[in-house]
Amino acid sequence: MVLVGTDLIEIDRISKTIENYGQRFLNRIYTEHEINFCRGKVNSLAGRFAAKEAVMKLLGTGVRGVGWKEIEIHRQRGHKPTINLYNKAKNIAIKKKIIDIEISISHSRSTAFAVAVASTK
């Protein structure tokens, strides 16, 4: 079986949230690795936000089912992004027999989009 999740977010929405809540918002949504990798680039942060929501949809939990930091978008420069799951998100993936999750992130000047695709045993 193939599972799919997608999400689209306005980059300005993330920018305004960071302006209003600053580090508090960043620490609530992103792991230390994600914060360090993005280095304050709002389009990159918005892309990771969309990717996390896409994975939540793929898992079937929505935004209230798992914690934001239980899904980490990991990427080394020059390589495609990968997903690390922790705690409840990891347990749900195991229960659903998810083998692998692939993620694609893209953005324009105004929006960020992500699609997550997984295969199951």
PDB file of N, CA and C in Angstrom:
ATOM      1  N   MET A   1       0.842  -1.174   0.000  1.00  0.00           N
ATOM      2  CA  MET A   1       0.000   0.000   0.000  1.00  0.00           C
ATOM      3  C   MET A   1       0.890   1.241   0.000  1.00  0.00           C
ATOM      4  N   VAL A   2       0.414   2.277  -0.659  1.00  0.00           N
ATOM      5  CA  VAL A   2       1.115   3.558  -0.693  1.00  0.00           C
ATOM      6  C   VAL A   2       0.302   4.577   0.099  1.00  0.00           C
ATOM      7  N   LEU A   3       0.979   5.311   0.959  1.00  0.00           N
ATOM      8  CA  LEU A   3       0.346   6.373   1.748  1.00  0.00           C
ATOM      9  C   LEU A   3       0.909   7.713   1.287  1.00  0.00           C
ATOM     10  N   VAL A   4       0.044   8.733   1.234  1.00  0.00           N
ATOM     11  CA  VAL A   4       0.462  10.055   0.763  1.00  0.00           C
ATOM     12  C   VAL A   4      -0.084  11.130   1.697  1.00  0.00           C
ATOM     13  N   GLY A   5       0.718  12.142   1.943  1.00  0.00           N
ATOM     14  CA  GLY A   5       0.280  13.330   2.677  1.00  0.00           C
ATOM     15  C   GLY A   5       0.857  14.558   1.998  1.00  0.00           C
ATOM     16  N   THR A   6       0.080  15.620   1.929  1.00  0.00           N
ATOM     17  CA  THR A   6       0.563  16.865   1.322  1.00  0.00           C
ATOM     18  C   THR A   6       0.212  18.043   2.223  1.00  0.00           C
ATOM     19  N   ASP A   7       0.932  19.131   2.045  1.00  0.00           N
ATOM     20  CA  ASP A   7       0.579  20.360   2.753  1.00  0.00           C
ATOM     21  C   ASP A   7       1.138  21.562   2.006  1.00  0.00           C
ATOM     22  N   LEU A   8       0.405  22.641   2.086  1.00  0.00           N
ATOM     23  CA  LEU A   8       0.756  23.911   1.461  1.00  0.00           C
ATOM     24  C   LEU A   8       0.579  24.996   2.518  1.00  0.00           C
ATOM     25  N   ILE A   9       1.572  25.861   2.670  1.00  0.00           N
ATOM     26  CA  ILE A   9       1.457  26.935   3.655  1.00  0.00           C
ATOM     27  C   ILE A   9       2.025  28.230   3.081  1.00  0.00           C
ATOM     28  N   GLU A  10       1.414  29.334   3.462  1.00  0.00           N
ATOM     29  CA  GLU A  10       1.925  30.645   3.059  1.00  0.00           C
ATOM     30  C   GLU A  10       3.155  30.974   3.900  1.00  0.00           C
ATOM     31  N   ILE A  11       4.228  31.325   3.236  1.00  0.00           N
ATOM     32  CA  ILE A  11       5.471  31.648   3.931  1.00  0.00           C
ATOM     33  C   ILE A  11       5.273  32.841   4.855  1.00  0.00           C
ATOM     34  N   ASP A  12       4.457  33.792   4.448  1.00  0.00           N
ATOM     35  CA  ASP A  12       4.186  34.975   5.265  1.00  0.00           C
ATOM     36  C   ASP A  12       3.550  34.600   6.607  1.00  0.00           C
ATOM     37  N   ARG A  13       2.764  33.535   6.620  1.00  0.00           N
ATOM     38  CA  ARG A  13       2.141  33.088   7.879  1.00  0.00           C
ATOM     39  C   ARG A  13       3.206  32.650   8.884  1.00  0.00           C
ATOM     40  N   ILE A  14       4.207  31.920   8.399  1.00  0.00           N
ATOM     41  CA  ILE A  14       5.303  31.498   9.274  1.00  0.00           C
ATOM     42  C   ILE A  14       6.111  32.719   9.705  1.00  0.00           C
ATOM     43  N   SER A  15       6.368  33.627   8.784  1.00  0.00           N
ATOM     44  CA  SER A  15       7.127  34.840   9.092  1.00  0.00           C
ATOM     45  C   SER A  15       6.450  35.657  10.189  1.00  0.00           C
ATOM     46  N   LYS A  16       5.146  35.844  10.068  1.00  0.00           N
ATOM     47  CA  LYS A  16       4.404  36.617  11.074  1.00  0.00           C
ATOM     48  C   LYS A  16       4.380  35.903  12.422  1.00  0.00           C
ATOM     49  N   THR A  17       4.276  34.585  12.389  1.00  0.00           N
ATOM     50  CA  THR A  17       4.283  33.830  13.647  1.00  0.00           C
ATOM     51  C   THR A  17       5.633  33.961  14.336  1.00  0.00           C
ATOM     52  N   ILE A  18       6.710  33.919  13.564  1.00  0.00           N
ATOM     53  CA  ILE A  18       8.044  34.102  14.142  1.00  0.00           C
ATOM     54  C   ILE A  18       8.185  35.518  14.701  1.00  0.00           C
ATOM     55  N   GLU A  19       7.676  36.514  13.986  1.00  0.00           N
ATOM     56  CA  GLU A  19       7.717  37.898  14.482  1.00  0.00           C
ATOM     57  C   GLU A  19       6.980  38.023  15.809  1.00  0.00           C
ATOM     58  N   ASN A  20       5.829  37.357  15.925  1.00  0.00           N
ATOM     59  CA  ASN A  20       5.004  37.462  17.132  1.00  0.00           C
ATOM     60  C   ASN A  20       5.522  36.628  18.297  1.00  0.00           C
ATOM     61  N   TYR A  21       6.043  35.437  18.019  1.00  0.00           N
ATOM     62  CA  TYR A  21       6.392  34.507  19.100  1.00  0.00           C
ATOM     63  C   TYR A  21       7.874  34.154  19.166  1.00  0.00           C
ATOM     64  N   GLY A  22       8.632  34.491  18.143  1.00  0.00           N
ATOM     65  CA  GLY A  22      10.074  34.309  18.154  1.00  0.00           C
ATOM     66  C   GLY A  22      10.542  32.904  18.466  1.00  0.00           C
ATOM     67  N   GLN A  23      11.538  32.845  19.338  1.00  0.00           N
ATOM     68  CA  GLN A  23      12.183  31.575  19.677  1.00  0.00           C
ATOM     69  C   GLN A  23      11.203  30.587  20.301  1.00  0.00           C
ATOM     70  N   ARG A  24      10.199  31.088  20.981  1.00  0.00           N
ATOM     71  CA  ARG A  24       9.186  30.213  21.596  1.00  0.00           C
ATOM     72  C   ARG A  24       8.506  29.349  20.525  1.00  0.00           C
ATOM     73  N   PHE A  25       8.123  29.969  19.414  1.00  0.00           N
ATOM     74  CA  PHE A  25       7.518  29.230  18.303  1.00  0.00           C
ATOM     75  C   PHE A  25       8.521  28.251  17.699  1.00  0.00           C
ATOM     76  N   LEU A  26       9.724  28.725  17.426  1.00  0.00           N
ATOM     77  CA  LEU A  26      10.739  27.861  16.815  1.00  0.00           C
ATOM     78  C   LEU A  26      11.009  26.633  17.673  1.00  0.00           C
ATOM     79  N   ASN A  27      11.160  26.824  18.978  1.00  0.00           N
ATOM     80  CA  ASN A  27      11.449  25.705  19.876  1.00  0.00           C
ATOM     81  C   ASN A  27      10.273  24.745  20.020  1.00  0.00           C
ATOM     82  N   ARG A  28       9.071  25.223  19.790  1.00  0.00           N
ATOM     83  CA  ARG A  28       7.875  24.371  19.892  1.00  0.00           C
ATOM     84  C   ARG A  28       7.710  23.483  18.655  1.00  0.00           C
ATOM     85  N   ILE A  29       8.115  23.989  17.492  1.00  0.00           N
ATOM     86  CA  ILE A  29       7.861  23.306  16.224  1.00  0.00           C
ATOM     87  C   ILE A  29       9.075  22.539  15.708  1.00  0.00           C
ATOM     88  N   TYR A  30      10.248  23.106  15.835  1.00  0.00           N
ATOM     89  CA  TYR A  30      11.438  22.574  15.168  1.00  0.00           C
ATOM     90  C   TYR A  30      12.445  21.985  16.151  1.00  0.00           C
ATOM     91  N   THR A  31      13.166  20.951  15.672  1.00  0.00           N
ATOM     92  CA  THR A  31      14.248  20.388  16.472  1.00  0.00           C
ATOM     93  C   THR A  31      15.460  21.315  16.386  1.00  0.00           C
ATOM     94  N   GLU A  32      16.415  21.084  17.236  1.00  0.00           N
ATOM     95  CA  GLU A  32      17.638  21.891  17.228  1.00  0.00           C
ATOM     96  C   GLU A  32      18.339  21.781  15.872  1.00  0.00           C
ATOM     97  N   HIS A  33      18.364  20.562  15.317  1.00  0.00           N
ATOM     98  CA  HIS A  33      18.987  20.368  14.000  1.00  0.00           C
ATOM     99  C   HIS A  33      18.291  21.216  12.932  1.00  0.00           C
ATOM    100  N   GLU A  34      16.968  21.223  12.940  1.00  0.00           N
ATOM    101  CA  GLU A  34      16.213  21.984  11.941  1.00  0.00           C
ATOM    102  C   GLU A  34      16.467  23.485  12.081  1.00  0.00           C
ATOM    103  N   ILE A  35      16.482  23.973  13.305  1.00  0.00           N
ATOM    104  CA  ILE A  35      16.731  25.401  13.548  1.00  0.00           C
ATOM    105  C   ILE A  35      18.127  25.776  13.057  1.00  0.00           C
ATOM    106  N   ASN A  36      19.117  24.946  13.390  1.00  0.00           N
ATOM    107  CA  ASN A  36      20.491  25.224  12.971  1.00  0.00           C
ATOM    108  C   ASN A  36      20.649  25.146  11.454  1.00  0.00           C
ATOM    109  N   PHE A  37      19.994  24.173  10.831  1.00  0.00           N
ATOM    110  CA  PHE A  37      20.111  24.010   9.384  1.00  0.00           C
ATOM    111  C   PHE A  37      19.487  25.190   8.643  1.00  0.00           C
ATOM    112  N   CYS A  38      18.329  25.631   9.083  1.00  0.00           N
ATOM    113  CA  CYS A  38      17.604  26.707   8.381  1.00  0.00           C
ATOM    114  C   CYS A  38      18.208  28.084   8.609  1.00  0.00           C
ATOM    115  N   ARG A  39      18.902  28.276   9.714  1.00  0.00           N
ATOM    116  CA  ARG A  39      19.574  29.541  10.036  1.00  0.00           C
ATOM    117  C   ARG A  39      18.683  30.765   9.833  1.00  0.00           C
ATOM    118  N   GLY A  40      17.424  30.649  10.263  1.00  0.00           N
ATOM    119  CA  GLY A  40      16.512  31.788  10.199  1.00  0.00           C
ATOM    120  C   GLY A  40      15.874  32.039   8.846  1.00  0.00           C
ATOM    121  N   LYS A  41      16.155  31.219   7.852  1.00  0.00           N
ATOM    122  CA  LYS A  41      15.559  31.389   6.521  1.00  0.00           C
ATOM    123  C   LYS A  41      14.097  30.961   6.579  1.00  0.00           C
ATOM    124  N   VAL A  42      13.213  31.933   6.467  1.00  0.00           N
ATOM    125  CA  VAL A  42      11.785  31.679   6.652  1.00  0.00           C
ATOM    126  C   VAL A  42      11.248  30.702   5.609  1.00  0.00           C
ATOM    127  N   ASN A  43      11.720  30.783   4.363  1.00  0.00           N
ATOM    128  CA  ASN A  43      11.219  29.850   3.356  1.00  0.00           C
ATOM    129  C   ASN A  43      11.599  28.407   3.689  1.00  0.00           C
ATOM    130  N   SER A  44      12.782  28.194   4.250  1.00  0.00           N
ATOM    131  CA  SER A  44      13.196  26.851   4.668  1.00  0.00           C
ATOM    132  C   SER A  44      12.386  26.374   5.871  1.00  0.00           C
ATOM    133  N   LEU A  45      12.137  27.267   6.816  1.00  0.00           N
ATOM    134  CA  LEU A  45      11.319  26.911   7.978  1.00  0.00           C
ATOM    135  C   LEU A  45       9.891  26.582   7.553  1.00  0.00           C
ATOM    136  N   ALA A  46       9.344  27.357   6.621  1.00  0.00           N
ATOM    137  CA  ALA A  46       7.991  27.094   6.121  1.00  0.00           C
ATOM    138  C   ALA A  46       7.941  25.752   5.394  1.00  0.00           C
ATOM    139  N   GLY A  47       8.968  25.445   4.624  1.00  0.00           N
ATOM    140  CA  GLY A  47       9.025  24.157   3.940  1.00  0.00           C
ATOM    141  C   GLY A  47       9.033  22.996   4.909  1.00  0.00           C
ATOM    142  N   ARG A  48       9.774  23.128   5.991  1.00  0.00           N
ATOM    143  CA  ARG A  48       9.806  22.064   6.998  1.00  0.00           C
ATOM    144  C   ARG A  48       8.478  21.970   7.746  1.00  0.00           C
ATOM    145  N   PHE A  49       7.847  23.104   7.979  1.00  0.00           N
ATOM    146  CA  PHE A  49       6.526  23.096   8.606  1.00  0.00           C
ATOM    147  C   PHE A  49       5.556  22.314   7.725  1.00  0.00           C
ATOM    148  N   ALA A  50       5.543  22.615   6.423  1.00  0.00           N
ATOM    149  CA  ALA A  50       4.664  21.906   5.486  1.00  0.00           C
ATOM    150  C   ALA A  50       5.008  20.421   5.437  1.00  0.00           C
ATOM    151  N   ALA A  51       6.292  20.095   5.475  1.00  0.00           N
ATOM    152  CA  ALA A  51       6.710  18.693   5.441  1.00  0.00           C
ATOM    153  C   ALA A  51       6.230  17.940   6.679  1.00  0.00           C
ATOM    154  N   LYS A  52       6.333  18.571   7.849  1.00  0.00           N
ATOM    155  CA  LYS A  52       5.856  17.931   9.076  1.00  0.00           C
ATOM    156  C   LYS A  52       4.353  17.671   8.994  1.00  0.00           C
ATOM    157  N   GLU A  53       3.588  18.650   8.498  1.00  0.00           N
ATOM    158  CA  GLU A  53       2.139  18.450   8.354  1.00  0.00           C
ATOM    159  C   GLU A  53       1.835  17.365   7.338  1.00  0.00           C
ATOM    160  N   ALA A  54       2.593  17.305   6.251  1.00  0.00           N
ATOM    161  CA  ALA A  54       2.388  16.258   5.248  1.00  0.00           C
ATOM    162  C   ALA A  54       2.612  14.878   5.865  1.00  0.00           C
ATOM    163  N   VAL A  55       3.633  14.744   6.699  1.00  0.00           N
ATOM    164  CA  VAL A  55       3.899  13.463   7.361  1.00  0.00           C
ATOM    165  C   VAL A  55       2.788  13.143   8.357  1.00  0.00           C
ATOM    166  N   MET A  56       2.310  14.141   9.087  1.00  0.00           N
ATOM    167  CA  MET A  56       1.193  13.917  10.015  1.00  0.00           C
ATOM    168  C   MET A  56      -0.028  13.390   9.269  1.00  0.00           C
ATOM    169  N   LYS A  57      -0.310  13.952   8.115  1.00  0.00           N
ATOM    170  CA  LYS A  57      -1.445  13.492   7.309  1.00  0.00           C
ATOM    171  C   LYS A  57      -1.201  12.075   6.801  1.00  0.00           C
ATOM    172  N   LEU A  58       0.011  11.791   6.369  1.00  0.00           N
ATOM    173  CA  LEU A  58       0.370  10.452   5.919  1.00  0.00           C
ATOM    174  C   LEU A  58       0.165   9.432   7.042  1.00  0.00           C
ATOM    175  N   LEU A  59       0.550   9.800   8.256  1.00  0.00           N
ATOM    176  CA  LEU A  59       0.384   8.907   9.411  1.00  0.00           C
ATOM    177  C   LEU A  59      -1.080   8.766   9.821  1.00  0.00           C
ATOM    178  N   GLY A  60      -1.923   9.692   9.345  1.00  0.00           N
ATOM    179  CA  GLY A  60      -3.346   9.645   9.673  1.00  0.00           C
ATOM    180  C   GLY A  60      -3.695  10.289  10.996  1.00  0.00           C
ATOM    181  N   THR A  61      -2.780  11.085  11.542  1.00  0.00           N
ATOM    182  CA  THR A  61      -3.011  11.674  12.864  1.00  0.00           C
ATOM    183  C   THR A  61      -3.478  13.120  12.800  1.00  0.00           C
ATOM    184  N   GLY A  62      -3.136  13.826  11.735  1.00  0.00           N
ATOM    185  CA  GLY A  62      -3.377  15.260  11.717  1.00  0.00           C
ATOM    186  C   GLY A  62      -2.457  15.947  12.708  1.00  0.00           C
ATOM    187  N   VAL A  63      -2.654  17.248  12.886  1.00  0.00           N
ATOM    188  CA  VAL A  63      -1.729  18.032  13.712  1.00  0.00           C
ATOM    189  C   VAL A  63      -1.878  17.790  15.212  1.00  0.00           C
ATOM    190  N   ARG A  64      -2.943  17.166  15.635  1.00  0.00           N
ATOM    191  CA  ARG A  64      -3.126  16.938  17.073  1.00  0.00           C
ATOM    192  C   ARG A  64      -2.703  15.540  17.525  1.00  0.00           C
ATOM    193  N   GLY A  65      -2.338  14.692  16.574  1.00  0.00           N
ATOM    194  CA  GLY A  65      -2.037  13.304  16.915  1.00  0.00           C
ATOM    195  C   GLY A  65      -0.629  13.041  17.395  1.00  0.00           C
ATOM    196  N   VAL A  66       0.325  13.823  16.915  1.00  0.00           N
ATOM    197  CA  VAL A  66       1.722  13.661  17.329  1.00  0.00           C
ATOM    198  C   VAL A  66       2.333  15.043  17.533  1.00  0.00           C
ATOM    199  N   GLY A  67       3.409  15.089  18.276  1.00  0.00           N
ATOM    200  CA  GLY A  67       4.083  16.363  18.521  1.00  0.00           C
ATOM    201  C   GLY A  67       4.899  16.806  17.316  1.00  0.00           C
ATOM    202  N   TRP A  68       5.017  18.100  17.144  1.00  0.00           N
ATOM    203  CA  TRP A  68       5.768  18.653  16.019  1.00  0.00           C
ATOM    204  C   TRP A  68       7.211  18.164  15.989  1.00  0.00           C
ATOM    205  N   LYS A  69       7.831  18.055  17.152  1.00  0.00           N
ATOM    206  CA  LYS A  69       9.242  17.666  17.205  1.00  0.00           C
ATOM    207  C   LYS A  69       9.435  16.153  17.123  1.00  0.00           C
ATOM    208  N   GLU A  70       8.330  15.405  17.056  1.00  0.00           N
ATOM    209  CA  GLU A  70       8.421  13.958  16.850  1.00  0.00           C
ATOM    210  C   GLU A  70       8.683  13.628  15.387  1.00  0.00           C
ATOM    211  N   ILE A  71       8.576  14.627  14.535  1.00  0.00           N
ATOM    212  CA  ILE A  71       8.879  14.488  13.110  1.00  0.00           C
ATOM    213  C   ILE A  71       9.995  15.472  12.805  1.00  0.00           C
ATOM    214  N   GLU A  72      11.136  14.941  12.419  1.00  0.00           N
ATOM    215  CA  GLU A  72      12.282  15.797  12.120  1.00  0.00           C
ATOM    216  C   GLU A  72      12.628  15.669  10.639  1.00  0.00           C
ATOM    217  N   ILE A  73      12.744  16.812   9.997  1.00  0.00           N
ATOM    218  CA  ILE A  73      13.171  16.848   8.608  1.00  0.00           C
ATOM    219  C   ILE A  73      14.683  17.048   8.634  1.00  0.00           C
ATOM    220  N   HIS A  74      15.388  16.010   8.251  1.00  0.00           N
ATOM    221  CA  HIS A  74      16.844  16.021   8.334  1.00  0.00           C
ATOM    222  C   HIS A  74      17.419  16.145   6.930  1.00  0.00           C
ATOM    223  N   ARG A  75      18.389  16.992   6.792  1.00  0.00           N
ATOM    224  CA  ARG A  75      19.015  17.140   5.482  1.00  0.00           C
ATOM    225  C   ARG A  75      20.438  17.618   5.654  1.00  0.00           C
ATOM    226  N   GLN A  76      21.306  17.007   4.904  1.00  0.00           N
ATOM    227  CA  GLN A  76      22.669  17.501   4.819  1.00  0.00           C
ATOM    228  C   GLN A  76      22.796  18.224   3.487  1.00  0.00           C
ATOM    229  N   ARG A  77      23.526  19.292   3.476  1.00  0.00           N
ATOM    230  CA  ARG A  77      23.662  20.092   2.255  1.00  0.00           C
ATOM    231  C   ARG A  77      24.077  19.204   1.081  1.00  0.00           C
ATOM    232  N   GLY A  78      23.376  19.395  -0.034  1.00  0.00           N
ATOM    233  CA  GLY A  78      23.674  18.624  -1.233  1.00  0.00           C
ATOM    234  C   GLY A  78      22.963  17.288  -1.317  1.00  0.00           C
ATOM    235  N   HIS A  79      22.172  16.950  -0.299  1.00  0.00           N
ATOM    236  CA  HIS A  79      21.444  15.682  -0.280  1.00  0.00           C
ATOM    237  C   HIS A  79      19.953  15.948  -0.113  1.00  0.00           C
ATOM    238  N   LYS A  80      19.149  14.969  -0.506  1.00  0.00           N
ATOM    239  CA  LYS A  80      17.700  15.114  -0.354  1.00  0.00           C
ATOM    240  C   LYS A  80      17.318  15.021   1.122  1.00  0.00           C
ATOM    241  N   PRO A  81      16.201  15.626   1.492  1.00  0.00           N
ATOM    242  CA  PRO A  81      15.764  15.551   2.891  1.00  0.00           C
ATOM    243  C   PRO A  81      15.290  14.146   3.250  1.00  0.00           C
ATOM    244  N   THR A  82      15.497  13.789   4.495  1.00  0.00           N
ATOM    245  CA  THR A  82      15.007  12.520   5.027  1.00  0.00           C
ATOM    246  C   THR A  82      14.172  12.808   6.270  1.00  0.00           C
ATOM    247  N   ILE A  83      13.411  11.810   6.690  1.00  0.00           N
ATOM    248  CA  ILE A  83      12.519  11.948   7.842  1.00  0.00           C
ATOM    249  C   ILE A  83      13.035  11.095   8.990  1.00  0.00           C
ATOM    250  N   ASN A  84      13.106  11.684  10.164  1.00  0.00           N
ATOM    251  CA  ASN A  84      13.346  10.941  11.397  1.00  0.00           C
ATOM    252  C   ASN A  84      12.081  11.046  12.236  1.00  0.00           C
ATOM    253  N   LEU A  85      11.583   9.904  12.688  1.00  0.00           N
ATOM    254  CA  LEU A  85      10.389   9.876  13.537  1.00  0.00           C
ATOM    255  C   LEU A  85      10.786   9.469  14.944  1.00  0.00           C
ATOM    256  N   TYR A  86      10.122  10.052  15.930  1.00  0.00           N
ATOM    257  CA  TYR A  86      10.396   9.766  17.329  1.00  0.00           C
ATOM    258  C   TYR A  86       9.090   9.514  18.075  1.00  0.00           C
ATOM    259  N   ASN A  87       9.200   8.821  19.198  1.00  0.00           N
ATOM    260  CA  ASN A  87       8.098   8.626  20.141  1.00  0.00           C
ATOM    261  C   ASN A  87       6.825   8.133  19.461  1.00  0.00           C
ATOM    262  N   LYS A  88       5.707   8.831  19.667  1.00  0.00           N
ATOM    263  CA  LYS A  88       4.407   8.389  19.154  1.00  0.00           C
ATOM    264  C   LYS A  88       4.394   8.296  17.628  1.00  0.00           C
ATOM    265  N   ALA A  89       5.022   9.244  16.952  1.00  0.00           N
ATOM    266  CA  ALA A  89       5.065   9.212  15.484  1.00  0.00           C
ATOM    267  C   ALA A  89       5.756   7.938  14.998  1.00  0.00           C
ATOM    268  N   LYS A  90       6.847   7.570  15.638  1.00  0.00           N
ATOM    269  CA  LYS A  90       7.569   6.346  15.269  1.00  0.00           C
ATOM    270  C   LYS A  90       6.712   5.118  15.542  1.00  0.00           C
ATOM    271  N   ASN A  91       6.028   5.099  16.682  1.00  0.00           N
ATOM    272  CA  ASN A  91       5.171   3.962  17.024  1.00  0.00           C
ATOM    273  C   ASN A  91       4.020   3.802  16.034  1.00  0.00           C
ATOM    274  N   ILE A  92       3.433   4.907  15.596  1.00  0.00           N
ATOM    275  CA  ILE A  92       2.350   4.846  14.607  1.00  0.00           C
ATOM    276  C   ILE A  92       2.881   4.284  13.291  1.00  0.00           C
ATOM    277  N   ALA A  93       4.061   4.732  12.880  1.00  0.00           N
ATOM    278  CA  ALA A  93       4.661   4.238  11.633  1.00  0.00           C
ATOM    279  C   ALA A  93       4.920   2.734  11.716  1.00  0.00           C
ATOM    280  N   ILE A  94       5.387   2.273  12.860  1.00  0.00           N
ATOM    281  CA  ILE A  94       5.626   0.838  13.047  1.00  0.00           C
ATOM    282  C   ILE A  94       4.310   0.078  12.991  1.00  0.00           C
ATOM    283  N   LYS A  95       3.293   0.587  13.676  1.00  0.00           N
ATOM    284  CA  LYS A  95       1.975  -0.062  13.691  1.00  0.00           C
ATOM    285  C   LYS A  95       1.375  -0.135  12.287  1.00  0.00           C
ATOM    286  N   LYS A  96       1.584   0.899  11.487  1.00  0.00           N
ATOM    287  CA  LYS A  96       1.058   0.926  10.113  1.00  0.00           C
ATOM    288  C   LYS A  96       1.972   0.179   9.140  1.00  0.00           C
ATOM    289  N   LYS A  97       3.080  -0.368   9.665  1.00  0.00           N
ATOM    290  CA  LYS A  97       4.055  -1.130   8.867  1.00  0.00           C
ATOM    291  C   LYS A  97       4.657  -0.295   7.739  1.00  0.00           C
ATOM    292  N   ILE A  98       4.941   0.950   8.057  1.00  0.00           N
ATOM    293  CA  ILE A  98       5.569   1.841   7.082  1.00  0.00           C
ATOM    294  C   ILE A  98       7.045   1.475   6.959  1.00  0.00           C
ATOM    295  N   ILE A  99       7.457   1.237   5.725  1.00  0.00           N
ATOM    296  CA  ILE A  99       8.836   0.845   5.456  1.00  0.00           C
ATOM    297  C   ILE A  99       9.734   2.071   5.342  1.00  0.00           C
ATOM    298  N   ASP A 100       9.290   3.039   4.566  1.00  0.00           N
ATOM    299  CA  ASP A 100      10.119   4.201   4.283  1.00  0.00           C
ATOM    300  C   ASP A 100       9.218   5.381   3.943  1.00  0.00           C
ATOM    301  N   ILE A 101       9.642   6.564   4.328  1.00  0.00           N
ATOM    302  CA  ILE A 101       8.918   7.787   3.968  1.00  0.00           C
ATOM    303  C   ILE A 101       9.855   8.659   3.142  1.00  0.00           C
ATOM    304  N   GLU A 102       9.396   9.024   1.969  1.00  0.00           N
ATOM    305  CA  GLU A 102      10.127   9.958   1.109  1.00  0.00           C
ATOM    306  C   GLU A 102       9.425  11.308   1.192  1.00  0.00           C
ATOM    307  N   ILE A 103      10.207  12.369   1.140  1.00  0.00           N
ATOM    308  CA  ILE A 103       9.637  13.710   1.250  1.00  0.00           C
ATOM    309  C   ILE A 103      10.203  14.597   0.141  1.00  0.00           C
ATOM    310  N   SER A 104       9.354  15.450  -0.380  1.00  0.00           N
ATOM    311  CA  SER A 104       9.789  16.460  -1.339  1.00  0.00           C
ATOM    312  C   SER A 104       9.234  17.801  -0.869  1.00  0.00           C
ATOM    313  N   ILE A 105      10.102  18.802  -0.843  1.00  0.00           N
ATOM    314  CA  ILE A 105       9.734  20.139  -0.371  1.00  0.00           C
ATOM    315  C   ILE A 105      10.071  21.144  -1.469  1.00  0.00           C
ATOM    316  N   SER A 106       9.150  22.059  -1.707  1.00  0.00           N
ATOM    317  CA  SER A 106       9.388  23.110  -2.687  1.00  0.00           C
ATOM    318  C   SER A 106       8.732  24.397  -2.201  1.00  0.00           C
ATOM    319  N   HIS A 107       9.216  25.520  -2.701  1.00  0.00           N
ATOM    320  CA  HIS A 107       8.575  26.781  -2.341  1.00  0.00           C
ATOM    321  C   HIS A 107       8.743  27.799  -3.455  1.00  0.00           C
ATOM    322  N   SER A 108       7.795  28.716  -3.483  1.00  0.00           N
ATOM    323  CA  SER A 108       7.875  29.887  -4.354  1.00  0.00           C
ATOM    324  C   SER A 108       8.136  31.075  -3.438  1.00  0.00           C
ATOM    325  N   ARG A 109       7.964  32.268  -3.930  1.00  0.00           N
ATOM    326  CA  ARG A 109       8.145  33.437  -3.060  1.00  0.00           C
ATOM    327  C   ARG A 109       7.099  33.494  -1.956  1.00  0.00           C
ATOM    328  N   SER A 110       5.907  32.973  -2.233  1.00  0.00           N
ATOM    329  CA  SER A 110       4.807  33.148  -1.280  1.00  0.00           C
ATOM    330  C   SER A 110       4.362  31.884  -0.560  1.00  0.00           C
ATOM    331  N   THR A 111       4.636  30.715  -1.114  1.00  0.00           N
ATOM    332  CA  THR A 111       4.133  29.483  -0.505  1.00  0.00           C
ATOM    333  C   THR A 111       5.201  28.399  -0.445  1.00  0.00           C
ATOM    334  N   ALA A 112       5.012  27.509   0.511  1.00  0.00           N
ATOM    335  CA  ALA A 112       5.849  26.314   0.625  1.00  0.00           C
ATOM    336  C   ALA A 112       4.932  25.107   0.499  1.00  0.00           C
ATOM    337  N   PHE A 113       5.420  24.083  -0.176  1.00  0.00           N
ATOM    338  CA  PHE A 113       4.635  22.880  -0.433  1.00  0.00           C
ATOM    339  C   PHE A 113       5.485  21.665  -0.108  1.00  0.00           C
ATOM    340  N   ALA A 114       4.842  20.647   0.443  1.00  0.00           N
ATOM    341  CA  ALA A 114       5.544  19.392   0.706  1.00  0.00           C
ATOM    342  C   ALA A 114       4.622  18.224   0.410  1.00  0.00           C
ATOM    343  N   VAL A 115       5.225  17.154  -0.066  1.00  0.00           N
ATOM    344  CA  VAL A 115       4.506  15.900  -0.262  1.00  0.00           C
ATOM    345  C   VAL A 115       5.333  14.796   0.389  1.00  0.00           C
ATOM    346  N   ALA A 116       4.650  13.944   1.136  1.00  0.00           N
ATOM    347  CA  ALA A 116       5.276  12.789   1.772  1.00  0.00           C
ATOM    348  C   ALA A 116       4.627  11.535   1.198  1.00  0.00           C
ATOM    349  N   VAL A 117       5.454  10.566   0.830  1.00  0.00           N
ATOM    350  CA  VAL A 117       4.968   9.311   0.267  1.00  0.00           C
ATOM    351  C   VAL A 117       5.639   8.175   1.025  1.00  0.00           C
ATOM    352  N   ALA A 118       4.836   7.187   1.411  1.00  0.00           N
ATOM    353  CA  ALA A 118       5.374   6.041   2.141  1.00  0.00           C
ATOM    354  C   ALA A 118       4.834   4.753   1.544  1.00  0.00           C
ATOM    355  N   SER A 119       5.617   3.708   1.688  1.00  0.00           N
ATOM    356  CA  SER A 119       5.147   2.377   1.316  1.00  0.00           C
ATOM    357  C   SER A 119       5.062   1.539   2.588  1.00  0.00           C
ATOM    358  N   THR A 120       4.159   0.577   2.563  1.00  0.00           N
ATOM    359  CA  THR A 120       3.974  -0.303   3.717  1.00  0.00           C
ATOM    360  C   THR A 120       4.277  -1.735   3.314  1.00  0.00           C
ATOM    361  N   LYS A 121       4.509  -2.574   4.323  1.00  0.00           N
ATOM    362  CA  LYS A 121       4.770  -4.003   4.069  1.00  0.00           C
ATOM    363  C   LYS A 121       3.522  -4.681   3.584  1.00  0.00           C
TER     364      LYS A 121
END
